Amino acid sequence: MESAPRQLIYVTRDPSADLNSRFHERGWHVEVVNSARDVRRAVRAGTAAGGLLDL
């Protein structure tokens, strides 16, 4: 039985394609955003999510 995809919000101005693909390989749905406004849009009410902040 497959588990539901996990959501990861990746906040960065220069996303790493290698890192992004590694998360996808491990079953994460990665949403790349570059501002606080976009983070608010990416967060879905009632859904758990992980976050990665690349400064």
N, C-alpha and C. Protein backbone atom coordinates (compact mmCIF):
# COMPACT_ATOMS: atom_id res chain seq x y z
N MET A 1 0.84 -1.18 0.00
CA MET A 1 0.00 0.00 0.00
C MET A 1 0.88 1.24 0.00
N GLU A 2 0.62 2.16 -0.91
CA GLU A 2 1.39 3.39 -1.01
C GLU A 2 0.81 4.45 -0.10
N SER A 3 1.70 5.22 0.52
CA SER A 3 1.23 6.30 1.38
C SER A 3 0.95 7.55 0.53
N ALA A 4 0.17 8.45 1.10
CA ALA A 4 -0.13 9.71 0.41
C ALA A 4 1.13 10.54 0.32
N PRO A 5 1.28 11.33 -0.75
CA PRO A 5 2.47 12.17 -0.86
C PRO A 5 2.53 13.19 0.28
N ARG A 6 3.72 13.42 0.75
CA ARG A 6 3.94 14.39 1.82
C ARG A 6 4.28 15.73 1.18
N GLN A 7 3.81 16.81 1.77
CA GLN A 7 4.05 18.14 1.21
C GLN A 7 5.27 18.76 1.86
N LEU A 8 6.13 19.33 1.03
CA LEU A 8 7.30 20.07 1.49
C LEU A 8 7.28 21.44 0.82
N ILE A 9 7.36 22.48 1.61
CA ILE A 9 7.43 23.83 1.07
C ILE A 9 8.90 24.25 1.13
N TYR A 10 9.48 24.46 -0.02
CA TYR A 10 10.90 24.76 -0.17
C TYR A 10 11.01 26.26 -0.50
N VAL A 11 11.46 27.05 0.48
CA VAL A 11 11.56 28.50 0.33
C VAL A 11 12.99 28.85 -0.07
N THR A 12 13.16 29.35 -1.27
CA THR A 12 14.49 29.68 -1.78
C THR A 12 14.38 30.60 -2.98
N ARG A 13 15.45 31.32 -3.25
CA ARG A 13 15.51 32.13 -4.47
C ARG A 13 16.24 31.40 -5.58
N ASP A 14 17.00 30.35 -5.21
CA ASP A 14 17.77 29.58 -6.19
C ASP A 14 17.63 28.09 -5.87
N PRO A 15 16.53 27.45 -6.31
CA PRO A 15 16.29 26.05 -5.95
C PRO A 15 17.33 25.09 -6.54
N SER A 16 17.67 24.10 -5.76
CA SER A 16 18.60 23.06 -6.19
C SER A 16 17.81 21.95 -6.88
N ALA A 17 18.08 21.73 -8.15
CA ALA A 17 17.38 20.68 -8.90
C ALA A 17 17.70 19.30 -8.32
N ASP A 18 18.94 19.10 -7.88
CA ASP A 18 19.35 17.83 -7.30
C ASP A 18 18.60 17.56 -6.00
N LEU A 19 18.54 18.54 -5.13
CA LEU A 19 17.82 18.39 -3.86
C LEU A 19 16.33 18.16 -4.11
N ASN A 20 15.76 18.91 -5.02
CA ASN A 20 14.35 18.77 -5.38
C ASN A 20 14.06 17.35 -5.87
N SER A 21 14.89 16.82 -6.75
CA SER A 21 14.65 15.48 -7.28
C SER A 21 14.81 14.42 -6.19
N ARG A 22 15.71 14.62 -5.25
CA ARG A 22 15.87 13.66 -4.15
C ARG A 22 14.64 13.61 -3.27
N PHE A 23 14.03 14.76 -3.01
CA PHE A 23 12.79 14.76 -2.24
C PHE A 23 11.68 14.05 -3.00
N HIS A 24 11.58 14.29 -4.31
CA HIS A 24 10.56 13.62 -5.13
C HIS A 24 10.75 12.10 -5.10
N GLU A 25 12.00 11.65 -5.16
CA GLU A 25 12.29 10.21 -5.11
C GLU A 25 11.80 9.57 -3.82
N ARG A 26 11.76 10.36 -2.77
CA ARG A 26 11.37 9.84 -1.46
C ARG A 26 9.89 10.10 -1.13
N GLY A 27 9.13 10.47 -2.15
CA GLY A 27 7.68 10.58 -1.99
C GLY A 27 7.17 11.92 -1.51
N TRP A 28 7.98 12.96 -1.59
CA TRP A 28 7.54 14.30 -1.19
C TRP A 28 6.99 15.04 -2.39
N HIS A 29 5.91 15.79 -2.18
CA HIS A 29 5.41 16.74 -3.17
C HIS A 29 6.06 18.08 -2.79
N VAL A 30 7.00 18.54 -3.61
CA VAL A 30 7.77 19.74 -3.31
C VAL A 30 7.16 20.94 -4.01
N GLU A 31 6.91 21.97 -3.24
CA GLU A 31 6.43 23.23 -3.80
C GLU A 31 7.50 24.29 -3.52
N VAL A 32 8.11 24.79 -4.59
CA VAL A 32 9.18 25.79 -4.47
C VAL A 32 8.54 27.17 -4.48
N VAL A 33 8.85 27.96 -3.46
CA VAL A 33 8.33 29.33 -3.36
C VAL A 33 9.49 30.25 -2.99
N ASN A 34 9.30 31.56 -3.24
CA ASN A 34 10.41 32.47 -2.95
C ASN A 34 10.00 33.69 -2.13
N SER A 35 8.80 33.67 -1.53
CA SER A 35 8.40 34.79 -0.70
C SER A 35 7.43 34.32 0.39
N ALA A 36 7.28 35.13 1.43
CA ALA A 36 6.35 34.80 2.52
C ALA A 36 4.92 34.72 1.98
N ARG A 37 4.58 35.57 1.04
CA ARG A 37 3.24 35.56 0.45
C ARG A 37 2.99 34.21 -0.24
N ASP A 38 3.99 33.71 -0.96
CA ASP A 38 3.84 32.43 -1.64
C ASP A 38 3.75 31.28 -0.64
N VAL A 39 4.42 31.39 0.49
CA VAL A 39 4.33 30.36 1.53
C VAL A 39 2.89 30.28 2.04
N ARG A 40 2.30 31.42 2.30
CA ARG A 40 0.91 31.44 2.79
C ARG A 40 -0.03 30.77 1.78
N ARG A 41 0.22 30.97 0.50
CA ARG A 41 -0.60 30.34 -0.54
C ARG A 41 -0.37 28.83 -0.61
N ALA A 42 0.87 28.42 -0.34
CA ALA A 42 1.23 27.01 -0.46
C ALA A 42 0.69 26.17 0.69
N VAL A 43 0.53 26.79 1.85
CA VAL A 43 0.05 26.05 3.02
C VAL A 43 -1.44 25.78 2.84
N ARG A 44 -1.79 24.52 2.93
CA ARG A 44 -3.19 24.12 2.78
C ARG A 44 -3.78 23.89 4.17
N ALA A 45 -4.91 24.47 4.42
CA ALA A 45 -5.57 24.35 5.72
C ALA A 45 -5.83 22.89 6.06
N GLY A 46 -5.45 22.50 7.26
CA GLY A 46 -5.71 21.15 7.73
C GLY A 46 -4.76 20.09 7.20
N THR A 47 -3.73 20.49 6.46
CA THR A 47 -2.78 19.54 5.90
C THR A 47 -1.41 19.75 6.52
N ALA A 48 -0.80 18.67 6.96
CA ALA A 48 0.55 18.76 7.51
C ALA A 48 1.55 18.99 6.37
N ALA A 49 2.59 19.74 6.67
CA ALA A 49 3.63 20.01 5.66
C ALA A 49 4.96 20.18 6.36
N GLY A 50 6.01 19.86 5.62
CA GLY A 50 7.36 20.14 6.07
C GLY A 50 7.84 21.39 5.40
N GLY A 51 8.90 21.96 5.90
CA GLY A 51 9.43 23.17 5.30
C GLY A 51 10.94 23.17 5.27
N LEU A 52 11.49 23.77 4.23
CA LEU A 52 12.92 23.93 4.09
C LEU A 52 13.16 25.38 3.71
N LEU A 53 13.90 26.09 4.54
CA LEU A 53 14.18 27.50 4.31
C LEU A 53 15.65 27.63 3.94
N ASP A 54 15.91 28.03 2.71
CA ASP A 54 17.28 28.19 2.19
C ASP A 54 17.63 29.66 2.19
N LEU A 55 18.48 30.05 3.14
CA LEU A 55 18.90 31.45 3.23
C LEU A 55 20.14 31.65 2.42
